[in-house]
Amino acid sequence: MGDESDFTLLQRYRNGDPAAFRELVLRYQRPVYNAAYWVLHNAEDARDVAQTVFLRVAEHADDYDPAYKFFSWIYRIAVNEALNLHRRLEREQPLADGVEFEADGADPAQQLEVAERAQLLREALSKMSMTDRTVLTLRHFSELSYRDIGEVLDLDEKTVKSRLFEARQRLKALLPGVH
């Protein structure tokens, strides 16, 4: 079952196969959670959003348009749900200290340097607008293409590139010694 396309799994689910939906959940639970986390910066809220996303996917499976990637469709739902929750909570939360940055195989001094840079990055991102944080995290932490970001945020590719450029400039201004 792991080799089946997302569309095939969705079709099987539409035809009454709950195992196909479980496979989609297993395939996308981590990316959906990560997308929500980078918007909300709160693990519990991100878990709530992820649950809501999969409920929405189950409820609206017939609305999926196969002209678009399933990944983009579910990611758009995740980002929208996270943004909606953020607006409902009407609060800005600091980024959690639990975000991990890779420093495998590095000596302790290098690990400390990576941790310090990660903290500076978290602090800088927490000072940025939700729009800037969203576009930066979709590109650099979720590693989406410009096209996929455009599909998720309902923007054309040129607008995505422009927003990313501007967000990167603002991020550089917030990071000491990075110019």
Protein backbone atom coordinates (compact mmCIF):
# COMPACT_ATOMS: atom_id res chain seq x y z
CA MET A 1 0.00 0.00 0.00
CA GLY A 2 2.93 2.40 0.62
CA ASP A 3 3.60 2.72 -3.12
CA GLU A 4 0.12 3.94 -4.01
CA SER A 5 -0.36 7.51 -5.13
CA ASP A 6 -2.18 9.96 -2.92
CA PHE A 7 -4.99 10.16 -5.46
CA THR A 8 -5.38 6.35 -5.49
CA LEU A 9 -5.55 6.30 -1.70
CA LEU A 10 -8.09 9.11 -1.70
CA GLN A 11 -10.19 7.26 -4.30
CA ARG A 12 -10.07 4.10 -2.17
CA TYR A 13 -11.16 6.12 0.86
CA ARG A 14 -14.02 7.67 -1.15
CA ASN A 15 -15.07 4.12 -2.01
CA GLY A 16 -15.29 3.17 1.68
CA ASP A 17 -11.78 1.89 2.51
CA PRO A 18 -10.73 3.34 5.90
CA ALA A 19 -7.25 1.76 5.62
CA ALA A 20 -6.53 4.05 2.67
CA PHE A 21 -7.30 7.11 4.80
CA ARG A 22 -5.06 5.80 7.60
CA GLU A 23 -2.24 5.55 5.04
CA LEU A 24 -2.79 9.18 4.03
CA VAL A 25 -2.70 10.21 7.69
CA LEU A 26 0.54 8.30 8.24
CA ARG A 27 2.03 9.83 5.11
CA TYR A 28 1.12 13.43 5.97
CA GLN A 29 0.80 13.71 9.75
CA ARG A 30 4.33 14.99 10.23
CA PRO A 31 4.32 17.60 7.41
CA VAL A 32 0.88 18.83 8.51
CA TYR A 33 1.98 19.10 12.14
CA ASN A 34 5.19 20.90 11.11
CA ALA A 35 3.30 23.39 8.96
CA ALA A 36 0.96 24.17 11.85
CA TYR A 37 3.81 24.34 14.35
CA TRP A 38 5.79 26.87 12.33
CA VAL A 39 2.75 29.13 12.16
CA LEU A 40 1.63 28.71 15.78
CA HIS A 41 4.88 27.91 17.64
CA ASN A 42 2.92 25.78 20.08
CA ALA A 43 3.02 21.97 20.03
CA GLU A 44 -0.44 21.44 21.53
CA ASP A 45 -2.07 23.90 19.13
CA ALA A 46 -0.23 22.29 16.20
CA ARG A 47 -1.54 18.84 17.23
CA ASP A 48 -5.08 20.25 17.41
CA VAL A 49 -4.71 21.78 13.96
CA ALA A 50 -3.37 18.50 12.54
CA GLN A 51 -6.42 16.65 13.86
CA THR A 52 -8.71 19.28 12.39
CA VAL A 53 -6.93 19.07 9.04
CA PHE A 54 -7.50 15.33 8.75
CA LEU A 55 -11.14 15.77 9.75
CA ARG A 56 -11.48 18.39 6.99
CA VAL A 57 -9.80 16.08 4.48
CA ALA A 58 -12.18 13.26 5.43
CA GLU A 59 -15.23 15.54 5.22
CA HIS A 60 -14.18 17.17 1.93
CA ALA A 61 -12.49 14.28 0.13
CA ASP A 62 -14.90 14.73 -2.76
CA ASP A 63 -13.80 18.36 -3.15
CA TYR A 64 -10.19 17.46 -3.97
CA ASP A 65 -9.24 18.52 -7.49
CA PRO A 66 -6.68 16.09 -8.95
CA ALA A 67 -5.37 18.87 -11.20
CA TYR A 68 -3.40 19.95 -8.10
CA LYS A 69 -0.99 17.95 -5.99
CA PHE A 70 -2.65 16.34 -2.97
CA PHE A 71 0.30 17.57 -0.91
CA SER A 72 -0.46 21.18 -1.86
CA TRP A 73 -4.16 20.73 -1.11
CA ILE A 74 -3.61 19.28 2.37
CA TYR A 75 -0.83 21.78 3.10
CA ARG A 76 -3.14 24.65 2.19
CA ILE A 77 -5.75 23.28 4.59
CA ALA A 78 -3.09 23.00 7.31
CA VAL A 79 -1.78 26.54 6.86
CA ASN A 80 -5.29 28.00 6.70
CA GLU A 81 -6.37 26.13 9.84
CA ALA A 82 -3.24 27.27 11.67
CA LEU A 83 -3.75 30.89 10.60
CA ASN A 84 -7.41 30.73 11.61
CA LEU A 85 -6.51 29.36 15.04
CA HIS A 86 -3.84 32.02 15.44
CA ARG A 87 -6.39 34.74 14.69
CA ARG A 88 -8.91 33.18 17.09
CA LEU A 89 -6.37 33.05 19.88
CA GLU A 90 -5.32 36.64 19.12
CA ARG A 91 -1.96 36.15 20.66
CA GLU A 92 1.61 36.06 19.53
CA GLN A 93 3.50 33.21 21.13
CA PRO A 94 7.26 33.04 21.40
CA LEU A 95 8.87 30.23 19.48
CA ALA A 96 9.30 27.14 21.62
CA ASP A 97 12.75 26.13 22.69
CA GLY A 98 12.04 22.55 21.61
CA VAL A 99 12.72 23.15 17.91
CA GLU A 100 15.70 21.06 16.94
CA PHE A 101 18.38 21.99 14.44
CA GLU A 102 20.68 19.27 13.13
CA ALA A 103 24.25 19.19 14.39
CA ASP A 104 24.90 15.45 14.12
CA GLY A 105 28.52 14.44 14.33
CA ALA A 106 29.61 17.92 15.37
CA ASP A 107 31.91 18.49 18.30
CA PRO A 108 30.44 20.17 21.40
CA ALA A 109 31.65 23.62 20.36
CA GLN A 110 29.97 23.27 16.97
CA GLN A 111 26.80 21.98 18.62
CA LEU A 112 26.77 25.01 20.91
CA GLU A 113 27.24 27.33 17.94
CA VAL A 114 24.37 25.67 16.06
CA ALA A 115 22.14 25.93 19.15
CA GLU A 116 23.00 29.62 19.60
CA ARG A 117 22.28 30.38 15.92
CA ALA A 118 19.01 28.45 16.17
CA GLN A 119 17.99 30.54 19.18
CA LEU A 120 18.81 33.78 17.33
CA LEU A 121 16.75 32.57 14.38
CA ARG A 122 13.77 31.67 16.61
CA GLU A 123 13.92 35.09 18.25
CA ALA A 124 14.12 36.87 14.89
CA LEU A 125 11.23 34.87 13.42
CA SER A 126 9.08 35.59 16.47
CA LYS A 127 9.44 39.33 15.76
CA MET A 128 8.29 38.99 12.14
CA SER A 129 4.78 39.32 10.76
CA MET A 130 2.69 36.18 10.31
CA THR A 131 2.90 36.64 6.52
CA ASP A 132 6.70 36.74 6.56
CA ARG A 133 7.00 33.81 8.96
CA THR A 134 4.60 31.71 6.93
CA VAL A 135 6.33 32.19 3.59
CA LEU A 136 9.80 31.70 5.13
CA THR A 137 8.87 28.55 7.00
CA LEU A 138 7.07 27.00 4.03
CA ARG A 139 10.18 27.54 1.89
CA HIS A 140 13.03 26.91 4.31
CA PHE A 141 11.67 24.59 6.99
CA SER A 142 9.05 22.68 5.01
CA GLU A 143 11.16 22.93 1.83
CA LEU A 144 8.24 23.62 -0.50
CA SER A 145 8.90 24.83 -4.02
CA TYR A 146 7.78 28.31 -5.10
CA ARG A 147 5.00 26.69 -7.06
CA ASP A 148 3.82 24.61 -4.07
CA ILE A 149 3.91 27.67 -1.80
CA GLY A 150 1.83 29.49 -4.39
CA GLU A 151 -0.73 26.69 -4.39
CA VAL A 152 -0.82 26.59 -0.57
CA LEU A 153 -1.21 30.36 -0.18
CA ASP A 154 -3.22 30.92 -3.38
CA LEU A 155 -0.57 33.21 -4.86
CA ASP A 156 1.17 33.25 -8.22
CA GLU A 157 4.81 32.20 -8.31
CA LYS A 158 6.13 35.73 -8.90
CA THR A 159 4.31 36.97 -5.80
CA VAL A 160 5.78 34.12 -3.76
CA LYS A 161 9.30 34.99 -4.95
CA SER A 162 8.74 38.66 -4.17
CA ARG A 163 7.36 37.96 -0.69
CA LEU A 164 10.21 35.58 0.05
CA PHE A 165 12.80 38.12 -1.08
CA GLU A 166 11.27 40.83 1.11
CA ALA A 167 10.86 38.49 4.09
CA ARG A 168 14.48 37.37 3.79
CA GLN A 169 15.61 41.01 3.76
CA ARG A 170 13.61 41.72 6.93
CA LEU A 171 14.97 38.54 8.55
CA LYS A 172 18.56 39.55 7.74
CA ALA A 173 17.95 42.91 9.38
CA LEU A 174 16.85 41.11 12.56
CA LEU A 175 19.84 38.76 12.66
CA PRO A 176 23.00 40.34 14.07
CA GLY A 177 26.10 39.80 11.99
CA VAL A 178 24.27 38.25 9.02
CA HIS A 179 24.40 40.61 6.05
